[in-house]
Amino acid sequence: KEGQEDELIITFRKPFGFEGETFRELDLHGLEDL
């Protein structure tokens, strides 16, 4: 539906730093390929 968020994209409240990289979101669409 219009305006509905993609449930498999996790948007972080604050940017998350890990091993020198900054993550703002996480894509879980790989679930569809399990």
Full PDB file with SEQRES, HELIX, SHEET, SSBOND, CRYST1, ORIGX, SCALE, CONECT and MASTER records, all heavy atoms in Angstrom:
SEQRES   1 A   34  LYS GLU GLY GLN GLU ASP GLU LEU ILE ILE THR PHE ARG          
SEQRES   2 A   34  LYS PRO PHE GLY PHE GLU GLY GLU THR PHE ARG GLU LEU          
SEQRES   3 A   34  ASP LEU HIS GLY LEU GLU ASP LEU                              
HELIX    1 AA1 HIS A   29  ASP A   33  5                                   5    
SHEET    1 AA1 2 ILE A   9  PHE A  18  0                                        
SHEET    2 AA1 2 GLU A  21  ASP A  27 -1                                        
CRYST1    1.000    1.000    1.000  90.00  90.00  90.00 P 1           1          
ORIGX1      1.000000  0.000000  0.000000        0.00000                         
ORIGX2      0.000000  1.000000  0.000000        0.00000                         
ORIGX3      0.000000  0.000000  1.000000        0.00000                         
SCALE1      1.000000  0.000000  0.000000        0.00000                         
SCALE2      0.000000  1.000000  0.000000        0.00000                         
SCALE3      0.000000  0.000000  1.000000        0.00000                         
ATOM      1  N   LYS A   1       0.841  -1.191   0.000  1.00  0.00           N  
ATOM      2  CA  LYS A   1       0.000   0.000   0.000  1.00  0.00           C  
ATOM      3  C   LYS A   1       0.875   1.239   0.000  1.00  0.00           C  
ATOM      4  O   LYS A   1       1.969   1.229   0.535  1.00  0.00           O  
ATOM      5  CB  LYS A   1      -0.903  -0.003   1.236  1.00  0.00           C  
ATOM      6  CG  LYS A   1      -1.890  -1.148   1.235  1.00  0.00           C  
ATOM      7  CD  LYS A   1      -2.717  -1.140   2.490  1.00  0.00           C  
ATOM      8  CE  LYS A   1      -3.634  -2.344   2.517  1.00  0.00           C  
ATOM      9  NZ  LYS A   1      -4.234  -2.559   3.805  1.00  0.00           N  
ATOM     10  N   GLU A   2       0.347   2.305  -0.613  1.00  0.00           N  
ATOM     11  CA  GLU A   2       1.091   3.555  -0.642  1.00  0.00           C  
ATOM     12  C   GLU A   2       1.362   4.028   0.776  1.00  0.00           C  
ATOM     13  O   GLU A   2       0.486   3.978   1.636  1.00  0.00           O  
ATOM     14  CB  GLU A   2       0.309   4.623  -1.406  1.00  0.00           C  
ATOM     15  CG  GLU A   2       0.378   4.424  -2.902  1.00  0.00           C  
ATOM     16  CD  GLU A   2      -0.242   5.578  -3.644  1.00  0.00           C  
ATOM     17  OE1 GLU A   2      -0.057   6.735  -3.214  1.00  0.00           O  
ATOM     18  OE2 GLU A   2      -0.917   5.312  -4.644  1.00  0.00           O  
ATOM     19  N   GLY A   3       2.579   4.481   1.012  1.00  0.00           N  
ATOM     20  CA  GLY A   3       2.945   4.972   2.336  1.00  0.00           C  
ATOM     21  C   GLY A   3       3.346   3.865   3.297  1.00  0.00           C  
ATOM     22  O   GLY A   3       3.801   4.131   4.394  1.00  0.00           O  
ATOM     23  N   GLN A   4       3.165   2.614   2.896  1.00  0.00           N  
ATOM     24  CA  GLN A   4       3.521   1.493   3.764  1.00  0.00           C  
ATOM     25  C   GLN A   4       5.020   1.233   3.654  1.00  0.00           C  
ATOM     26  O   GLN A   4       5.577   1.200   2.558  1.00  0.00           O  
ATOM     27  CB  GLN A   4       2.742   0.250   3.338  1.00  0.00           C  
ATOM     28  CG  GLN A   4       2.971  -0.958   4.214  1.00  0.00           C  
ATOM     29  CD  GLN A   4       2.171  -2.159   3.723  1.00  0.00           C  
ATOM     30  OE1 GLN A   4       1.626  -2.155   2.636  1.00  0.00           O  
ATOM     31  NE2 GLN A   4       2.110  -3.180   4.530  1.00  0.00           N  
ATOM     32  N   GLU A   5       5.671   1.045   4.788  1.00  0.00           N  
ATOM     33  CA  GLU A   5       7.108   0.798   4.795  1.00  0.00           C  
ATOM     34  C   GLU A   5       7.414  -0.637   4.384  1.00  0.00           C  
ATOM     35  O   GLU A   5       6.604  -1.530   4.569  1.00  0.00           O  
ATOM     36  CB  GLU A   5       7.662   1.050   6.201  1.00  0.00           C  
ATOM     37  CG  GLU A   5       7.642   2.490   6.620  1.00  0.00           C  
ATOM     38  CD  GLU A   5       8.276   2.695   7.983  1.00  0.00           C  
ATOM     39  OE1 GLU A   5       9.116   1.869   8.389  1.00  0.00           O  
ATOM     40  OE2 GLU A   5       7.915   3.667   8.632  1.00  0.00           O  
ATOM     41  N   ASP A   6       8.598  -0.838   3.857  1.00  0.00           N  
ATOM     42  CA  ASP A   6       9.072  -2.174   3.520  1.00  0.00           C  
ATOM     43  C   ASP A   6       9.498  -2.839   4.820  1.00  0.00           C  
ATOM     44  O   ASP A   6      10.441  -2.394   5.472  1.00  0.00           O  
ATOM     45  CB  ASP A   6      10.242  -2.066   2.545  1.00  0.00           C  
ATOM     46  CG  ASP A   6      10.687  -3.413   2.026  1.00  0.00           C  
ATOM     47  OD1 ASP A   6      10.410  -4.450   2.665  1.00  0.00           O  
ATOM     48  OD2 ASP A   6      11.327  -3.433   0.961  1.00  0.00           O  
ATOM     49  N   GLU A   7       8.822  -3.899   5.196  1.00  0.00           N  
ATOM     50  CA  GLU A   7       9.075  -4.568   6.471  1.00  0.00           C  
ATOM     51  C   GLU A   7      10.430  -5.259   6.540  1.00  0.00           C  
ATOM     52  O   GLU A   7      10.896  -5.604   7.618  1.00  0.00           O  
ATOM     53  CB  GLU A   7       7.960  -5.583   6.744  1.00  0.00           C  
ATOM     54  CG  GLU A   7       6.604  -4.934   6.880  1.00  0.00           C  
ATOM     55  CD  GLU A   7       5.465  -5.923   6.764  1.00  0.00           C  
ATOM     56  OE1 GLU A   7       5.714  -7.105   6.454  1.00  0.00           O  
ATOM     57  OE2 GLU A   7       4.320  -5.505   6.977  1.00  0.00           O  
ATOM     58  N   LEU A   8      11.061  -5.477   5.385  1.00  0.00           N  
ATOM     59  CA  LEU A   8      12.347  -6.173   5.370  1.00  0.00           C  
ATOM     60  C   LEU A   8      13.535  -5.220   5.285  1.00  0.00           C  
ATOM     61  O   LEU A   8      14.673  -5.664   5.178  1.00  0.00           O  
ATOM     62  CB  LEU A   8      12.378  -7.193   4.228  1.00  0.00           C  
ATOM     63  CG  LEU A   8      11.351  -8.319   4.358  1.00  0.00           C  
ATOM     64  CD1 LEU A   8      11.444  -9.269   3.177  1.00  0.00           C  
ATOM     65  CD2 LEU A   8      11.505  -9.074   5.663  1.00  0.00           C  
ATOM     66  N   ILE A   9      13.269  -3.934   5.328  1.00  0.00           N  
ATOM     67  CA  ILE A   9      14.338  -2.937   5.447  1.00  0.00           C  
ATOM     68  C   ILE A   9      14.239  -2.369   6.857  1.00  0.00           C  
ATOM     69  O   ILE A   9      13.251  -1.734   7.212  1.00  0.00           O  
ATOM     70  CB  ILE A   9      14.199  -1.791   4.415  1.00  0.00           C  
ATOM     71  CG1 ILE A   9      14.254  -2.327   2.991  1.00  0.00           C  
ATOM     72  CG2 ILE A   9      15.258  -0.720   4.657  1.00  0.00           C  
ATOM     73  CD1 ILE A   9      15.610  -2.821   2.540  1.00  0.00           C  
ATOM     74  N   ILE A  10      15.255  -2.626   7.657  1.00  0.00           N  
ATOM     75  CA  ILE A  10      15.298  -2.140   9.035  1.00  0.00           C  
ATOM     76  C   ILE A  10      16.079  -0.837   9.045  1.00  0.00           C  
ATOM     77  O   ILE A  10      17.271  -0.825   8.748  1.00  0.00           O  
ATOM     78  CB  ILE A  10      15.972  -3.170   9.979  1.00  0.00           C  
ATOM     79  CG1 ILE A  10      15.312  -4.543   9.854  1.00  0.00           C  
ATOM     80  CG2 ILE A  10      15.979  -2.671  11.408  1.00  0.00           C  
ATOM     81  CD1 ILE A  10      13.847  -4.581  10.132  1.00  0.00           C  
ATOM     82  N   THR A  11      15.406   0.250   9.365  1.00  0.00           N  
ATOM     83  CA  THR A  11      16.059   1.556   9.438  1.00  0.00           C  
ATOM     84  C   THR A  11      16.472   1.807  10.883  1.00  0.00           C  
ATOM     85  O   THR A  11      15.638   1.757  11.783  1.00  0.00           O  
ATOM     86  CB  THR A  11      15.106   2.667   8.958  1.00  0.00           C  
ATOM     87  OG1 THR A  11      14.677   2.341   7.629  1.00  0.00           O  
ATOM     88  CG2 THR A  11      15.802   4.015   8.949  1.00  0.00           C  
ATOM     89  N   PHE A  12      17.758   2.055  11.083  1.00  0.00           N  
ATOM     90  CA  PHE A  12      18.269   2.296  12.427  1.00  0.00           C  
ATOM     91  C   PHE A  12      17.899   3.698  12.891  1.00  0.00           C  
ATOM     92  O   PHE A  12      17.890   4.644  12.107  1.00  0.00           O  
ATOM     93  CB  PHE A  12      19.786   2.115  12.475  1.00  0.00           C  
ATOM     94  CG  PHE A  12      20.243   0.713  12.140  1.00  0.00           C  
ATOM     95  CD1 PHE A  12      21.444   0.496  11.496  1.00  0.00           C  
ATOM     96  CD2 PHE A  12      19.477  -0.396  12.481  1.00  0.00           C  
ATOM     97  CE1 PHE A  12      21.883  -0.782  11.195  1.00  0.00           C  
ATOM     98  CE2 PHE A  12      19.905  -1.677  12.195  1.00  0.00           C  
ATOM     99  CZ  PHE A  12      21.112  -1.874  11.548  1.00  0.00           C  
ATOM    100  N   ARG A  13      17.619   3.808  14.175  1.00  0.00           N  
ATOM    101  CA  ARG A  13      17.286   5.104  14.762  1.00  0.00           C  
ATOM    102  C   ARG A  13      18.469   6.051  14.663  1.00  0.00           C  
ATOM    103  O   ARG A  13      18.317   7.221  14.348  1.00  0.00           O  
ATOM    104  CB  ARG A  13      16.866   4.910  16.223  1.00  0.00           C  
ATOM    105  CG  ARG A  13      16.210   6.111  16.851  1.00  0.00           C  
ATOM    106  CD  ARG A  13      15.634   5.806  18.218  1.00  0.00           C  
ATOM    107  NE  ARG A  13      16.613   5.365  19.185  1.00  0.00           N  
ATOM    108  CZ  ARG A  13      17.390   6.183  19.890  1.00  0.00           C  
ATOM    109  NH1 ARG A  13      17.304   7.468  19.734  1.00  0.00           N  
ATOM    110  NH2 ARG A  13      18.253   5.707  20.744  1.00  0.00           N  
ATOM    111  N   LYS A  14      19.680   5.516  14.916  1.00  0.00           N  
ATOM    112  CA  LYS A  14      20.922   6.281  14.785  1.00  0.00           C  
ATOM    113  C   LYS A  14      21.887   5.471  13.932  1.00  0.00           C  
ATOM    114  O   LYS A  14      21.854   4.241  13.965  1.00  0.00           O  
ATOM    115  CB  LYS A  14      21.557   6.517  16.164  1.00  0.00           C  
ATOM    116  CG  LYS A  14      20.743   7.402  17.080  1.00  0.00           C  
ATOM    117  CD  LYS A  14      21.500   7.842  18.319  1.00  0.00           C  
ATOM    118  CE  LYS A  14      21.955   6.700  19.185  1.00  0.00           C  
ATOM    119  NZ  LYS A  14      22.481   7.129  20.490  1.00  0.00           N  
ATOM    120  N   PRO A  15      22.740   6.125  13.160  1.00  0.00           N  
ATOM    121  CA  PRO A  15      23.734   5.383  12.379  1.00  0.00           C  
ATOM    122  C   PRO A  15      24.573   4.490  13.300  1.00  0.00           C  
ATOM    123  O   PRO A  15      24.895   4.864  14.426  1.00  0.00           O  
ATOM    124  CB  PRO A  15      24.592   6.480  11.750  1.00  0.00           C  
ATOM    125  CG  PRO A  15      23.710   7.683  11.731  1.00  0.00           C  
ATOM    126  CD  PRO A  15      22.840   7.566  12.951  1.00  0.00           C  
ATOM    127  N   PHE A  16      24.902   3.305  12.810  1.00  0.00           N  
ATOM    128  CA  PHE A  16      25.654   2.328  13.587  1.00  0.00           C  
ATOM    129  C   PHE A  16      26.988   2.073  12.900  1.00  0.00           C  
ATOM    130  O   PHE A  16      27.025   1.695  11.725  1.00  0.00           O  
ATOM    131  CB  PHE A  16      24.841   1.033  13.712  1.00  0.00           C  
ATOM    132  CG  PHE A  16      25.554  -0.082  14.401  1.00  0.00           C  
ATOM    133  CD1 PHE A  16      25.820  -0.020  15.757  1.00  0.00           C  
ATOM    134  CD2 PHE A  16      25.968  -1.203  13.695  1.00  0.00           C  
ATOM    135  CE1 PHE A  16      26.479  -1.059  16.402  1.00  0.00           C  
ATOM    136  CE2 PHE A  16      26.623  -2.251  14.333  1.00  0.00           C  
ATOM    137  CZ  PHE A  16      26.879  -2.172  15.689  1.00  0.00           C  
ATOM    138  N   GLY A  17      28.081   2.281  13.634  1.00  0.00           N  
ATOM    139  CA  GLY A  17      29.412   2.053  13.094  1.00  0.00           C  
ATOM    140  C   GLY A  17      29.904   0.660  13.413  1.00  0.00           C  
ATOM    141  O   GLY A  17      29.809   0.195  14.550  1.00  0.00           O  
ATOM    142  N   PHE A  18      30.442  -0.019  12.396  1.00  0.00           N  
ATOM    143  CA  PHE A  18      30.990  -1.351  12.595  1.00  0.00           C  
ATOM    144  C   PHE A  18      32.143  -1.553  11.625  1.00  0.00           C  
ATOM    145  O   PHE A  18      31.975  -1.409  10.412  1.00  0.00           O  
ATOM    146  CB  PHE A  18      29.914  -2.423  12.369  1.00  0.00           C  
ATOM    147  CG  PHE A  18      30.406  -3.828  12.582  1.00  0.00           C  
ATOM    148  CD1 PHE A  18      30.590  -4.323  13.869  1.00  0.00           C  
ATOM    149  CD2 PHE A  18      30.695  -4.648  11.508  1.00  0.00           C  
ATOM    150  CE1 PHE A  18      31.053  -5.610  14.067  1.00  0.00           C  
ATOM    151  CE2 PHE A  18      31.151  -5.940  11.692  1.00  0.00           C  
ATOM    152  CZ  PHE A  18      31.332  -6.423  12.982  1.00  0.00           C  
ATOM    153  N   GLU A  19      33.313  -1.865  12.168  1.00  0.00           N  
ATOM    154  CA  GLU A  19      34.533  -2.116  11.391  1.00  0.00           C  
ATOM    155  C   GLU A  19      34.778  -1.036  10.331  1.00  0.00           C  
ATOM    156  O   GLU A  19      35.019  -1.326   9.167  1.00  0.00           O  
ATOM    157  CB  GLU A  19      34.482  -3.503  10.755  1.00  0.00           C  
ATOM    158  CG  GLU A  19      34.517  -4.623  11.778  1.00  0.00           C  
ATOM    159  CD  GLU A  19      34.571  -6.009  11.161  1.00  0.00           C  
ATOM    160  OE1 GLU A  19      34.387  -6.160   9.928  1.00  0.00           O  
ATOM    161  OE2 GLU A  19      34.798  -6.964  11.919  1.00  0.00           O  
ATOM    162  N   GLY A  20      34.679   0.223  10.759  1.00  0.00           N  
ATOM    163  CA  GLY A  20      34.982   1.348   9.890  1.00  0.00           C  
ATOM    164  C   GLY A  20      33.886   1.716   8.899  1.00  0.00           C  
ATOM    165  O   GLY A  20      34.058   2.622   8.088  1.00  0.00           O  
ATOM    166  N   GLU A  21      32.761   1.029   8.936  1.00  0.00           N  
ATOM    167  CA  GLU A  21      31.657   1.305   8.033  1.00  0.00           C  
ATOM    168  C   GLU A  21      30.461   1.802   8.841  1.00  0.00           C  
ATOM    169  O   GLU A  21      30.245   1.364   9.973  1.00  0.00           O  
ATOM    170  CB  GLU A  21      31.276   0.017   7.295  1.00  0.00           C  
ATOM    171  CG  GLU A  21      30.698   0.257   5.929  1.00  0.00           C  
ATOM    172  CD  GLU A  21      30.470  -1.056   5.181  1.00  0.00           C  
ATOM    173  OE1 GLU A  21      31.256  -2.000   5.346  1.00  0.00           O  
ATOM    174  OE2 GLU A  21      29.488  -1.107   4.436  1.00  0.00           O  
ATOM    175  N   THR A  22      29.687   2.711   8.277  1.00  0.00           N  
ATOM    176  CA  THR A  22      28.501   3.231   8.952  1.00  0.00           C  
ATOM    177  C   THR A  22      27.251   2.656   8.300  1.00  0.00           C  
ATOM    178  O   THR A  22      27.090   2.718   7.081  1.00  0.00           O  
ATOM    179  CB  THR A  22      28.457   4.771   8.870  1.00  0.00           C  
ATOM    180  OG1 THR A  22      29.651   5.287   9.477  1.00  0.00           O  
ATOM    181  CG2 THR A  22      27.259   5.327   9.599  1.00  0.00           C  
ATOM    182  N   PHE A  23      26.391   2.093   9.134  1.00  0.00           N  
ATOM    183  CA  PHE A  23      25.152   1.481   8.660  1.00  0.00           C  
ATOM    184  C   PHE A  23      23.970   2.313   9.139  1.00  0.00           C  
ATOM    185  O   PHE A  23      23.867   2.646  10.317  1.00  0.00           O  
ATOM    186  CB  PHE A  23      25.015   0.049   9.200  1.00  0.00           C  
ATOM    187  CG  PHE A  23      26.048  -0.894   8.663  1.00  0.00           C  
ATOM    188  CD1 PHE A  23      27.301  -0.983   9.246  1.00  0.00           C  
ATOM    189  CD2 PHE A  23      25.761  -1.700   7.572  1.00  0.00           C  
ATOM    190  CE1 PHE A  23      28.260  -1.853   8.763  1.00  0.00           C  
ATOM    191  CE2 PHE A  23      26.716  -2.570   7.073  1.00  0.00           C  
ATOM    192  CZ  PHE A  23      27.966  -2.650   7.670  1.00  0.00           C  
ATOM    193  N   ARG A  24      23.081   2.639   8.220  1.00  0.00           N  
ATOM    194  CA  ARG A  24      21.861   3.377   8.564  1.00  0.00           C  
ATOM    195  C   ARG A  24      20.634   2.477   8.479  1.00  0.00           C  
ATOM    196  O   ARG A  24      19.590   2.774   9.015  1.00  0.00           O  
ATOM    197  CB  ARG A  24      21.696   4.579   7.640  1.00  0.00           C  
ATOM    198  CG  ARG A  24      22.683   5.680   7.939  1.00  0.00           C  
ATOM    199  CD  ARG A  24      22.531   6.864   7.008  1.00  0.00           C  
ATOM    200  NE  ARG A  24      23.286   8.025   7.447  1.00  0.00           N  
ATOM    201  CZ  ARG A  24      24.592   8.128   7.513  1.00  0.00           C  
ATOM    202  NH1 ARG A  24      25.332   7.090   7.212  1.00  0.00           N  
ATOM    203  NH2 ARG A  24      25.188   9.233   7.907  1.00  0.00           N  
ATOM    204  N   GLU A  25      20.792   1.380   7.746  1.00  0.00           N  
ATOM    205  CA  GLU A  25      19.692   0.429   7.604  1.00  0.00           C  
ATOM    206  C   GLU A  25      20.245  -0.955   7.303  1.00  0.00           C  
ATOM    207  O   GLU A  25      21.432  -1.116   7.009  1.00  0.00           O  
ATOM    208  CB  GLU A  25      18.724   0.863   6.503  1.00  0.00           C  
ATOM    209  CG  GLU A  25      19.322   0.916   5.130  1.00  0.00           C  
ATOM    210  CD  GLU A  25      18.339   1.409   4.081  1.00  0.00           C  
ATOM    211  OE1 GLU A  25      17.369   2.114   4.414  1.00  0.00           O  
ATOM    212  OE2 GLU A  25      18.557   1.079   2.908  1.00  0.00           O  
ATOM    213  N   LEU A  26      19.371  -1.934   7.389  1.00  0.00           N  
ATOM    214  CA  LEU A  26      19.749  -3.326   7.156  1.00  0.00           C  
ATOM    215  C   LEU A  26      18.705  -3.941   6.236  1.00  0.00           C  
ATOM    216  O   LEU A  26      17.498  -3.835   6.495  1.00  0.00           O  
ATOM    217  CB  LEU A  26      19.802  -4.072   8.484  1.00  0.00           C  
ATOM    218  CG  LEU A  26      20.388  -5.461   8.483  1.00  0.00           C  
ATOM    219  CD1 LEU A  26      21.868  -5.398   8.127  1.00  0.00           C  
ATOM    220  CD2 LEU A  26      20.222  -6.100   9.847  1.00  0.00           C  
ATOM    221  N   ASP A  27      19.148  -4.567   5.167  1.00  0.00           N  
ATOM    222  CA  ASP A  27      18.244  -5.171   4.192  1.00  0.00           C  
ATOM    223  C   ASP A  27      18.103  -6.667   4.486  1.00  0.00           C  
ATOM    224  O   ASP A  27      19.066  -7.419   4.390  1.00  0.00           O  
ATOM    225  CB  ASP A  27      18.803  -4.953   2.784  1.00  0.00           C  
ATOM    226  CG  ASP A  27      17.881  -5.450   1.694  1.00  0.00           C  
ATOM    227  OD1 ASP A  27      16.888  -6.156   1.995  1.00  0.00           O  
ATOM    228  OD2 ASP A  27      18.149  -5.136   0.528  1.00  0.00           O  
ATOM    229  N   LEU A  28      16.892  -7.088   4.837  1.00  0.00           N  
ATOM    230  CA  LEU A  28      16.632  -8.492   5.152  1.00  0.00           C  
ATOM    231  C   LEU A  28      15.892  -9.217   4.022  1.00  0.00           C  
ATOM    232  O   LEU A  28      15.288 -10.260   4.240  1.00  0.00           O  
ATOM    233  CB  LEU A  28      15.824  -8.603   6.450  1.00  0.00           C  
ATOM    234  CG  LEU A  28      16.509  -8.113   7.717  1.00  0.00           C  
ATOM    235  CD1 LEU A  28      15.569  -8.213   8.912  1.00  0.00           C  
ATOM    236  CD2 LEU A  28      17.791  -8.886   7.989  1.00  0.00           C  
ATOM    237  N   HIS A  29      15.938  -8.679   2.816  1.00  0.00           N  
ATOM    238  CA  HIS A  29      15.252  -9.330   1.693  1.00  0.00           C  
ATOM    239  C   HIS A  29      15.834 -10.704   1.371  1.00  0.00           C  
ATOM    240  O   HIS A  29      15.202 -11.487   0.666  1.00  0.00           O  
ATOM    241  CB  HIS A  29      15.264  -8.433   0.449  1.00  0.00           C  
ATOM    242  CG  HIS A  29      14.209  -7.394   0.490  1.00  0.00           C  
ATOM    243  ND1 HIS A  29      14.457  -6.117   0.924  1.00  0.00           N  
ATOM    244  CD2 HIS A  29      12.894  -7.446   0.196  1.00  0.00           C  
ATOM    245  CE1 HIS A  29      13.340  -5.426   0.869  1.00  0.00           C  
ATOM    246  NE2 HIS A  29      12.369  -6.200   0.439  1.00  0.00           N  
ATOM    247  N   GLY A  30      16.997 -11.003   1.902  1.00  0.00           N  
ATOM    248  CA  GLY A  30      17.576 -12.338   1.738  1.00  0.00           C  
ATOM    249  C   GLY A  30      16.691 -13.421   2.341  1.00  0.00           C  
ATOM    250  O   GLY A  30      16.813 -14.594   1.989  1.00  0.00           O  
ATOM    251  N   LEU A  31      15.792 -13.043   3.242  1.00  0.00           N  
ATOM    252  CA  LEU A  31      14.838 -14.007   3.816  1.00  0.00           C  
ATOM    253  C   LEU A  31      14.028 -14.687   2.715  1.00  0.00           C  
ATOM    254  O   LEU A  31      13.682 -15.867   2.822  1.00  0.00           O  
ATOM    255  CB  LEU A  31      13.883 -13.306   4.791  1.00  0.00           C  
ATOM    256  CG  LEU A  31      14.441 -12.918   6.143  1.00  0.00           C  
ATOM    257  CD1 LEU A  31      13.523 -11.928   6.841  1.00  0.00           C  
ATOM    258  CD2 LEU A  31      14.650 -14.149   7.002  1.00  0.00           C  
ATOM    259  N   GLU A  32      13.732 -13.955   1.661  1.00  0.00           N  
ATOM    260  CA  GLU A  32      12.920 -14.485   0.565  1.00  0.00           C  
ATOM    261  C   GLU A  32      13.647 -15.570  -0.216  1.00  0.00           C  
ATOM    262  O   GLU A  32      13.015 -16.342  -0.934  1.00  0.00           O  
ATOM    263  CB  GLU A  32      12.509 -13.344  -0.369  1.00  0.00           C  
ATOM    264  CG  GLU A  32      11.631 -12.322   0.327  1.00  0.00           C  
ATOM    265  CD  GLU A  32      11.429 -11.048  -0.474  1.00  0.00           C  
ATOM    266  OE1 GLU A  32      12.291 -10.721  -1.331  1.00  0.00           O  
ATOM    267  OE2 GLU A  32      10.422 -10.369  -0.222  1.00  0.00           O  
ATOM    268  N   ASP A  33      14.971 -15.643  -0.077  1.00  0.00           N  
ATOM    269  CA  ASP A  33      15.758 -16.624  -0.811  1.00  0.00           C  
ATOM    270  C   ASP A  33      16.131 -17.851   0.017  1.00  0.00           C  
ATOM    271  O   ASP A  33      16.808 -18.748  -0.492  1.00  0.00           O  
ATOM    272  CB  ASP A  33      17.040 -15.969  -1.344  1.00  0.00           C  
ATOM    273  CG  ASP A  33      16.739 -14.830  -2.304  1.00  0.00           C  
ATOM    274  OD1 ASP A  33      15.743 -14.924  -3.043  1.00  0.00           O  
ATOM    275  OD2 ASP A  33      17.480 -13.829  -2.293  1.00  0.00           O  
ATOM    276  N   LEU A  34      15.733 -17.891   1.287  1.00  0.00           N  
ATOM    277  CA  LEU A  34      16.066 -19.036   2.139  1.00  0.00           C  
ATOM    278  C   LEU A  34      15.409 -20.307   1.619  1.00  0.00           C  
ATOM    279  O   LEU A  34      14.301 -20.274   1.087  1.00  0.00           O  
ATOM    280  CB  LEU A  34      15.619 -18.793   3.581  1.00  0.00           C  
ATOM    281  CG  LEU A  34      16.427 -17.794   4.392  1.00  0.00           C  
ATOM    282  CD1 LEU A  34      15.804 -17.604   5.768  1.00  0.00           C  
ATOM    283  CD2 LEU A  34      17.876 -18.237   4.533  1.00  0.00           C  
TER     284      LEU A  34                                                      
MASTER        0    0    0    1    2    0    0    6  283    1    0    3          
END                                                                             
